[in-house]
């Protein structure tokens, strides 16, 4: 499942700096997570990095974009091939 940024976002930029896949970008009024790039840090970390640094807990699972662990791993591998 990809993550999303809720309306609680204070646009502090902490999450964007932590994202290893550069899936987080500025938007108006809150930040946006590209579901095609978000792997929930599979392949990088045991936990999503952005969630841990968000001071207001604004990063939550996207209920409209459910992905299995295998799908997230495949996405991670595909992104690695882009490098």
PDB file of N, CA and C in Angstrom:
ATOM      1  N   UNK A   1       0.857  -1.167   0.000  1.00  0.00           N
ATOM      2  CA  UNK A   1       0.000   0.000   0.000  1.00  0.00           C
ATOM      3  C   UNK A   1       0.896   1.221   0.000  1.00  0.00           C
ATOM      4  N   UNK A   2       0.615   2.112  -0.866  1.00  0.00           N
ATOM      5  CA  UNK A   2       1.341   3.375  -0.886  1.00  0.00           C
ATOM      6  C   UNK A   2       0.885   4.222   0.298  1.00  0.00           C
ATOM      7  N   UNK A   3       1.651   5.222   0.582  1.00  0.00           N
ATOM      8  CA  UNK A   3       1.302   6.147   1.659  1.00  0.00           C
ATOM      9  C   UNK A   3       0.755   7.430   1.056  1.00  0.00           C
ATOM     10  N   UNK A   4       0.102   8.225   1.890  1.00  0.00           N
ATOM     11  CA  UNK A   4      -0.356   9.536   1.450  1.00  0.00           C
ATOM     12  C   UNK A   4      -0.179  10.531   2.569  1.00  0.00           C
ATOM     13  N   UNK A   5      -0.183  11.795   2.200  1.00  0.00           N
ATOM     14  CA  UNK A   5      -0.026  12.871   3.174  1.00  0.00           C
ATOM     15  C   UNK A   5      -1.407  13.458   3.438  1.00  0.00           C
ATOM     16  N   UNK A   6      -1.803  13.455   4.700  1.00  0.00           N
ATOM     17  CA  UNK A   6      -3.123  13.964   5.070  1.00  0.00           C
ATOM     18  C   UNK A   6      -3.115  15.483   5.188  1.00  0.00           C
ATOM     19  N   UNK A   7      -4.276  16.039   5.425  1.00  0.00           N
ATOM     20  CA  UNK A   7      -4.423  17.484   5.578  1.00  0.00           C
ATOM     21  C   UNK A   7      -3.747  18.015   6.838  1.00  0.00           C
ATOM     22  N   UNK A   8      -3.284  17.124   7.708  1.00  0.00           N
ATOM     23  CA  UNK A   8      -2.575  17.524   8.923  1.00  0.00           C
ATOM     24  C   UNK A   8      -1.167  18.038   8.621  1.00  0.00           C
ATOM     25  N   UNK A   9      -0.699  17.851   7.399  1.00  0.00           N
ATOM     26  CA  UNK A   9       0.662  18.236   7.002  1.00  0.00           C
ATOM     27  C   UNK A   9       0.920  19.721   7.272  1.00  0.00           C
ATOM     28  N   UNK A  10       2.112  19.987   7.833  1.00  0.00           N
ATOM     29  CA  UNK A  10       2.507  21.373   8.096  1.00  0.00           C
ATOM     30  C   UNK A  10       3.599  21.830   7.127  1.00  0.00           C
ATOM     31  N   UNK A  11       3.868  21.036   6.093  1.00  0.00           N
ATOM     32  CA  UNK A  11       4.852  21.353   5.045  1.00  0.00           C
ATOM     33  C   UNK A  11       6.225  21.693   5.627  1.00  0.00           C
ATOM     34  N   UNK A  12       6.690  20.871   6.557  1.00  0.00           N
ATOM     35  CA  UNK A  12       7.977  21.115   7.217  1.00  0.00           C
ATOM     36  C   UNK A  12       9.160  20.617   6.394  1.00  0.00           C
ATOM     37  N   UNK A  13       8.909  19.791   5.383  1.00  0.00           N
ATOM     38  CA  UNK A  13       9.913  19.278   4.459  1.00  0.00           C
ATOM     39  C   UNK A  13      10.730  18.123   5.022  1.00  0.00           C
ATOM     40  N   UNK A  14      10.462  17.682   6.238  1.00  0.00           N
ATOM     41  CA  UNK A  14      11.236  16.591   6.836  1.00  0.00           C
ATOM     42  C   UNK A  14      11.073  15.289   6.058  1.00  0.00           C
ATOM     43  N   UNK A  15       9.877  14.989   5.633  1.00  0.00           N
ATOM     44  CA  UNK A  15       9.609  13.727   4.940  1.00  0.00           C
ATOM     45  C   UNK A  15      10.302  13.671   3.579  1.00  0.00           C
ATOM     46  N   UNK A  16      10.283  14.758   2.877  1.00  0.00           N
ATOM     47  CA  UNK A  16      10.849  14.788   1.527  1.00  0.00           C
ATOM     48  C   UNK A  16      12.341  14.486   1.562  1.00  0.00           C
ATOM     49  N   UNK A  17      13.020  14.997   2.567  1.00  0.00           N
ATOM     50  CA  UNK A  17      14.456  14.772   2.701  1.00  0.00           C
ATOM     51  C   UNK A  17      14.775  13.308   3.025  1.00  0.00           C
ATOM     52  N   UNK A  18      13.859  12.598   3.658  1.00  0.00           N
ATOM     53  CA  UNK A  18      14.087  11.218   4.086  1.00  0.00           C
ATOM     54  C   UNK A  18      13.739  10.179   3.029  1.00  0.00           C
ATOM     55  N   UNK A  19      12.966  10.535   2.035  1.00  0.00           N
ATOM     56  CA  UNK A  19      12.453   9.555   1.065  1.00  0.00           C
ATOM     57  C   UNK A  19      13.553   9.069   0.122  1.00  0.00           C
ATOM     58  N   UNK A  20      13.898   7.771   0.181  1.00  0.00           N
ATOM     59  CA  UNK A  20      14.970   7.249  -0.663  1.00  0.00           C
ATOM     60  C   UNK A  20      14.582   7.119  -2.139  1.00  0.00           C
ATOM     61  N   UNK A  21      13.296   7.142  -2.442  1.00  0.00           N
ATOM     62  CA  UNK A  21      12.862   7.001  -3.839  1.00  0.00           C
ATOM     63  C   UNK A  21      12.399   8.324  -4.442  1.00  0.00           C
ATOM     64  N   UNK A  22      12.548   9.395  -3.681  1.00  0.00           N
ATOM     65  CA  UNK A  22      12.124  10.726  -4.129  1.00  0.00           C
ATOM     66  C   UNK A  22      10.656  10.741  -4.562  1.00  0.00           C
ATOM     67  N   UNK A  23       9.837  10.036  -3.784  1.00  0.00           N
ATOM     68  CA  UNK A  23       8.407   9.937  -4.086  1.00  0.00           C
ATOM     69  C   UNK A  23       7.601  11.109  -3.524  1.00  0.00           C
ATOM     70  N   UNK A  24       8.197  11.899  -2.654  1.00  0.00           N
ATOM     71  CA  UNK A  24       7.475  12.984  -1.991  1.00  0.00           C
ATOM     72  C   UNK A  24       7.842  14.308  -2.629  1.00  0.00           C
ATOM     73  N   UNK A  25       6.818  15.088  -2.939  1.00  0.00           N
ATOM     74  CA  UNK A  25       7.048  16.379  -3.567  1.00  0.00           C
ATOM     75  C   UNK A  25       6.102  17.412  -2.968  1.00  0.00           C
ATOM     76  N   UNK A  26       6.463  18.662  -3.151  1.00  0.00           N
ATOM     77  CA  UNK A  26       5.607  19.745  -2.679  1.00  0.00           C
ATOM     78  C   UNK A  26       4.345  19.811  -3.520  1.00  0.00           C
ATOM     79  N   UNK A  27       3.267  20.139  -2.877  1.00  0.00           N
ATOM     80  CA  UNK A  27       1.988  20.345  -3.542  1.00  0.00           C
ATOM     81  C   UNK A  27       1.277  21.435  -2.759  1.00  0.00           C
ATOM     82  N   UNK A  28       0.099  21.778  -3.167  1.00  0.00           N
ATOM     83  CA  UNK A  28      -0.622  22.857  -2.505  1.00  0.00           C
ATOM     84  C   UNK A  28      -1.939  22.326  -1.960  1.00  0.00           C
ATOM     85  N   UNK A  29      -2.209  22.381  -0.696  1.00  0.00           N
ATOM     86  CA  UNK A  29      -1.455  23.005   0.391  1.00  0.00           C
ATOM     87  C   UNK A  29      -0.529  22.047   1.128  1.00  0.00           C
ATOM     88  N   UNK A  30      -0.657  20.737   0.911  1.00  0.00           N
ATOM     89  CA  UNK A  30       0.191  19.773   1.616  1.00  0.00           C
ATOM     90  C   UNK A  30       1.062  19.017   0.614  1.00  0.00           C
ATOM     91  N   UNK A  31       2.016  18.270   1.133  1.00  0.00           N
ATOM     92  CA  UNK A  31       2.900  17.490   0.270  1.00  0.00           C
ATOM     93  C   UNK A  31       2.143  16.331  -0.363  1.00  0.00           C
ATOM     94  N   UNK A  32       2.747  15.751  -1.403  1.00  0.00           N
ATOM     95  CA  UNK A  32       2.132  14.686  -2.178  1.00  0.00           C
ATOM     96  C   UNK A  32       3.110  13.524  -2.292  1.00  0.00           C
ATOM     97  N   UNK A  33       2.617  12.293  -2.170  1.00  0.00           N
ATOM     98  CA  UNK A  33       3.436  11.101  -2.350  1.00  0.00           C
ATOM     99  C   UNK A  33       3.009  10.415  -3.640  1.00  0.00           C
ATOM    100  N   UNK A  34       3.955  10.279  -4.561  1.00  0.00           N
ATOM    101  CA  UNK A  34       3.702   9.615  -5.847  1.00  0.00           C
ATOM    102  C   UNK A  34       3.572   8.116  -5.598  1.00  0.00           C
ATOM    103  N   UNK A  35       2.387   7.539  -5.789  1.00  0.00           N
ATOM    104  CA  UNK A  35       2.200   6.120  -5.507  1.00  0.00           C
ATOM    105  C   UNK A  35       3.006   5.208  -6.421  1.00  0.00           C
ATOM    106  N   UNK A  36       3.424   5.715  -7.574  1.00  0.00           N
ATOM    107  CA  UNK A  36       4.247   4.907  -8.480  1.00  0.00           C
ATOM    108  C   UNK A  36       5.697   4.809  -8.014  1.00  0.00           C
ATOM    109  N   UNK A  37       6.106   5.680  -7.118  1.00  0.00           N
ATOM    110  CA  UNK A  37       7.486   5.676  -6.607  1.00  0.00           C
ATOM    111  C   UNK A  37       7.570   5.229  -5.148  1.00  0.00           C
ATOM    112  N   UNK A  38       6.466   5.282  -4.423  1.00  0.00           N
ATOM    113  CA  UNK A  38       6.483   4.926  -3.005  1.00  0.00           C
ATOM    114  C   UNK A  38       6.543   3.409  -2.838  1.00  0.00           C
ATOM    115  N   UNK A  39       7.589   2.946  -2.164  1.00  0.00           N
ATOM    116  CA  UNK A  39       7.733   1.520  -1.860  1.00  0.00           C
ATOM    117  C   UNK A  39       7.562   1.265  -0.374  1.00  0.00           C
ATOM    118  N   UNK A  40       7.149   2.280   0.368  1.00  0.00           N
ATOM    119  CA  UNK A  40       7.088   2.215   1.833  1.00  0.00           C
ATOM    120  C   UNK A  40       8.447   1.836   2.395  1.00  0.00           C
ATOM    121  N   UNK A  41       9.487   2.209   1.683  1.00  0.00           N
ATOM    122  CA  UNK A  41      10.889   1.974   2.031  1.00  0.00           C
ATOM    123  C   UNK A  41      11.282   0.502   1.979  1.00  0.00           C
ATOM    124  N   UNK A  42      10.465  -0.343   1.337  1.00  0.00           N
ATOM    125  CA  UNK A  42      10.859  -1.730   1.110  1.00  0.00           C
ATOM    126  C   UNK A  42      12.150  -1.703   0.301  1.00  0.00           C
ATOM    127  N   UNK A  43      13.129  -2.475   0.750  1.00  0.00           N
ATOM    128  CA  UNK A  43      14.430  -2.500   0.105  1.00  0.00           C
ATOM    129  C   UNK A  43      15.407  -1.505   0.707  1.00  0.00           C
ATOM    130  N   UNK A  44      14.912  -0.583   1.500  1.00  0.00           N
ATOM    131  CA  UNK A  44      15.746   0.432   2.119  1.00  0.00           C
ATOM    132  C   UNK A  44      15.743   0.336   3.642  1.00  0.00           C
ATOM    133  N   UNK A  45      14.586   0.053   4.196  1.00  0.00           N
ATOM    134  CA  UNK A  45      14.419   0.090   5.647  1.00  0.00           C
ATOM    135  C   UNK A  45      13.247  -0.799   6.046  1.00  0.00           C
ATOM    136  N   UNK A  46      13.176  -1.129   7.322  1.00  0.00           N
ATOM    137  CA  UNK A  46      12.066  -1.948   7.822  1.00  0.00           C
ATOM    138  C   UNK A  46      10.778  -1.148   7.975  1.00  0.00           C
ATOM    139  N   UNK A  47      10.915   0.151   8.123  1.00  0.00           N
ATOM    140  CA  UNK A  47       9.770   1.046   8.324  1.00  0.00           C
ATOM    141  C   UNK A  47       9.845   2.198   7.322  1.00  0.00           C
ATOM    142  N   UNK A  48       8.712   2.756   6.920  1.00  0.00           N
ATOM    143  CA  UNK A  48       8.748   3.941   6.060  1.00  0.00           C
ATOM    144  C   UNK A  48       9.463   5.102   6.756  1.00  0.00           C
ATOM    145  N   UNK A  49      10.513   5.596   6.149  1.00  0.00           N
ATOM    146  CA  UNK A  49      11.322   6.667   6.746  1.00  0.00           C
ATOM    147  C   UNK A  49      10.524   7.932   6.995  1.00  0.00           C
ATOM    148  N   UNK A  50       9.649   8.259   6.077  1.00  0.00           N
ATOM    149  CA  UNK A  50       8.889   9.507   6.186  1.00  0.00           C
ATOM    150  C   UNK A  50       7.968   9.514   7.400  1.00  0.00           C
ATOM    151  N   UNK A  51       7.398   8.366   7.716  1.00  0.00           N
ATOM    152  CA  UNK A  51       6.479   8.274   8.853  1.00  0.00           C
ATOM    153  C   UNK A  51       7.212   8.605  10.149  1.00  0.00           C
ATOM    154  N   UNK A  52       8.430   8.095  10.278  1.00  0.00           N
ATOM    155  CA  UNK A  52       9.199   8.308  11.498  1.00  0.00           C
ATOM    156  C   UNK A  52       9.628   9.741  11.739  1.00  0.00           C
ATOM    157  N   UNK A  53       9.769  10.526  10.679  1.00  0.00           N
ATOM    158  CA  UNK A  53      10.233  11.907  10.856  1.00  0.00           C
ATOM    159  C   UNK A  53       9.106  12.936  10.842  1.00  0.00           C
ATOM    160  N   UNK A  54       7.909  12.533  10.516  1.00  0.00           N
ATOM    161  CA  UNK A  54       6.791  13.482  10.455  1.00  0.00           C
ATOM    162  C   UNK A  54       6.388  13.917  11.869  1.00  0.00           C
ATOM    163  N   UNK A  55       6.513  15.208  12.172  1.00  0.00           N
ATOM    164  CA  UNK A  55       6.228  15.673  13.529  1.00  0.00           C
ATOM    165  C   UNK A  55       4.741  15.710  13.885  1.00  0.00           C
ATOM    166  N   UNK A  56       3.867  15.594  12.888  1.00  0.00           N
ATOM    167  CA  UNK A  56       2.430  15.682  13.171  1.00  0.00           C
ATOM    168  C   UNK A  56       1.660  14.429  12.739  1.00  0.00           C
ATOM    169  N   UNK A  57       2.374  13.353  12.442  1.00  0.00           N
ATOM    170  CA  UNK A  57       1.748  12.083  12.030  1.00  0.00           C
ATOM    171  C   UNK A  57       0.795  12.266  10.855  1.00  0.00           C
ATOM    172  N   UNK A  58       1.236  13.019   9.851  1.00  0.00           N
ATOM    173  CA  UNK A  58       0.387  13.310   8.697  1.00  0.00           C
ATOM    174  C   UNK A  58       0.513  12.288   7.576  1.00  0.00           C
ATOM    175  N   UNK A  59       1.425  11.334   7.699  1.00  0.00           N
ATOM    176  CA  UNK A  59       1.629  10.344   6.646  1.00  0.00           C
ATOM    177  C   UNK A  59       0.954   9.050   7.063  1.00  0.00           C
ATOM    178  N   UNK A  60      -0.003   8.642   6.246  1.00  0.00           N
ATOM    179  CA  UNK A  60      -0.853   7.500   6.579  1.00  0.00           C
ATOM    180  C   UNK A  60      -0.960   6.559   5.378  1.00  0.00           C
ATOM    181  N   UNK A  61      -1.398   5.310   5.605  1.00  0.00           N
ATOM    182  CA  UNK A  61      -1.626   4.395   4.480  1.00  0.00           C
ATOM    183  C   UNK A  61      -2.726   4.931   3.561  1.00  0.00           C
ATOM    184  N   UNK A  62      -2.531   4.750   2.268  1.00  0.00           N
ATOM    185  CA  UNK A  62      -3.519   5.166   1.279  1.00  0.00           C
ATOM    186  C   UNK A  62      -4.512   4.022   1.087  1.00  0.00           C
ATOM    187  N   UNK A  63      -5.735   4.161   1.567  1.00  0.00           N
ATOM    188  CA  UNK A  63      -6.709   3.073   1.470  1.00  0.00           C
ATOM    189  C   UNK A  63      -7.124   2.757   0.026  1.00  0.00           C
ATOM    190  N   UNK A  64      -6.853   3.663  -0.891  1.00  0.00           N
ATOM    191  CA  UNK A  64      -7.211   3.455  -2.298  1.00  0.00           C
ATOM    192  C   UNK A  64      -6.077   2.864  -3.118  1.00  0.00           C
ATOM    193  N   UNK A  65      -4.961   2.543  -2.471  1.00  0.00           N
ATOM    194  CA  UNK A  65      -3.813   2.013  -3.192  1.00  0.00           C
ATOM    195  C   UNK A  65      -3.147   0.915  -2.366  1.00  0.00           C
ATOM    196  N   UNK A  66      -3.797  -0.215  -2.292  1.00  0.00           N
ATOM    197  CA  UNK A  66      -3.295  -1.340  -1.513  1.00  0.00           C
ATOM    198  C   UNK A  66      -2.332  -2.164  -2.355  1.00  0.00           C
ATOM    199  N   UNK A  67      -1.128  -2.424  -1.802  1.00  0.00           N
ATOM    200  CA  UNK A  67      -0.126  -3.236  -2.487  1.00  0.00           C
ATOM    201  C   UNK A  67       0.425  -4.270  -1.520  1.00  0.00           C
ATOM    202  N   UNK A  68       0.698  -5.463  -2.050  1.00  0.00           N
ATOM    203  CA  UNK A  68       1.284  -6.517  -1.231  1.00  0.00           C
ATOM    204  C   UNK A  68       2.778  -6.265  -1.051  1.00  0.00           C
ATOM    205  N   UNK A  69       3.378  -6.999  -0.143  1.00  0.00           N
ATOM    206  CA  UNK A  69       4.820  -6.912   0.071  1.00  0.00           C
ATOM    207  C   UNK A  69       5.569  -7.267  -1.218  1.00  0.00           C
ATOM    208  N   UNK A  70       5.058  -8.231  -1.963  1.00  0.00           N
ATOM    209  CA  UNK A  70       5.689  -8.635  -3.216  1.00  0.00           C
ATOM    210  C   UNK A  70       5.611  -7.512  -4.262  1.00  0.00           C
ATOM    211  N   UNK A  71       4.483  -6.828  -4.320  1.00  0.00           N
ATOM    212  CA  UNK A  71       4.340  -5.717  -5.259  1.00  0.00           C
ATOM    213  C   UNK A  71       5.279  -4.567  -4.906  1.00  0.00           C
ATOM    214  N   UNK A  72       5.411  -4.284  -3.626  1.00  0.00           N
ATOM    215  CA  UNK A  72       6.329  -3.237  -3.188  1.00  0.00           C
ATOM    216  C   UNK A  72       7.778  -3.620  -3.504  1.00  0.00           C
ATOM    217  N   UNK A  73       8.121  -4.880  -3.316  1.00  0.00           N
ATOM    218  CA  UNK A  73       9.469  -5.354  -3.635  1.00  0.00           C
ATOM    219  C   UNK A  73       9.730  -5.235  -5.139  1.00  0.00           C
ATOM    220  N   UNK A  74       8.755  -5.583  -5.951  1.00  0.00           N
ATOM    221  CA  UNK A  74       8.900  -5.461  -7.412  1.00  0.00           C
ATOM    222  C   UNK A  74       9.096  -3.995  -7.806  1.00  0.00           C
ATOM    223  N   UNK A  75       8.335  -3.116  -7.194  1.00  0.00           N
ATOM    224  CA  UNK A  75       8.467  -1.686  -7.474  1.00  0.00           C
ATOM    225  C   UNK A  75       9.868  -1.207  -7.091  1.00  0.00           C
ATOM    226  N   UNK A  76      10.360  -1.644  -5.939  1.00  0.00           N
ATOM    227  CA  UNK A  76      11.715  -1.301  -5.499  1.00  0.00           C
ATOM    228  C   UNK A  76      12.737  -1.747  -6.543  1.00  0.00           C
ATOM    229  N   UNK A  77      12.627  -2.997  -7.011  1.00  0.00           N
ATOM    230  CA  UNK A  77      13.574  -3.507  -7.995  1.00  0.00           C
ATOM    231  C   UNK A  77      13.481  -2.718  -9.303  1.00  0.00           C
ATOM    232  N   UNK A  78      12.288  -2.368  -9.710  1.00  0.00           N
ATOM    233  CA  UNK A  78      12.110  -1.587 -10.941  1.00  0.00           C
ATOM    234  C   UNK A  78      12.757  -0.216 -10.819  1.00  0.00           C
ATOM    235  N   UNK A  79      12.617   0.422  -9.666  1.00  0.00           N
ATOM    236  CA  UNK A  79      13.229   1.727  -9.443  1.00  0.00           C
ATOM    237  C   UNK A  79      14.754   1.614  -9.428  1.00  0.00           C
ATOM    238  N   UNK A  80      15.290   0.507  -8.927  1.00  0.00           N
ATOM    239  CA  UNK A  80      16.731   0.314  -8.920  1.00  0.00           C
ATOM    240  C   UNK A  80      17.287   0.205 -10.339  1.00  0.00           C
ATOM    241  N   UNK A  81      16.503  -0.362 -11.237  1.00  0.00           N
ATOM    242  CA  UNK A  81      16.922  -0.491 -12.636  1.00  0.00           C
ATOM    243  C   UNK A  81      16.988   0.867 -13.327  1.00  0.00           C
ATOM    244  N   UNK A  82      16.245   1.860 -12.824  1.00  0.00           N
ATOM    245  CA  UNK A  82      16.262   3.198 -13.399  1.00  0.00           C
ATOM    246  C   UNK A  82      17.573   3.930 -13.113  1.00  0.00           C
ATOM    247  N   UNK A  83      18.235   3.522 -12.050  1.00  0.00           N
ATOM    248  CA  UNK A  83      19.442   4.238 -11.609  1.00  0.00           C
ATOM    249  C   UNK A  83      20.609   3.978 -12.536  1.00  0.00           C
TER     250      UNK A  83
END
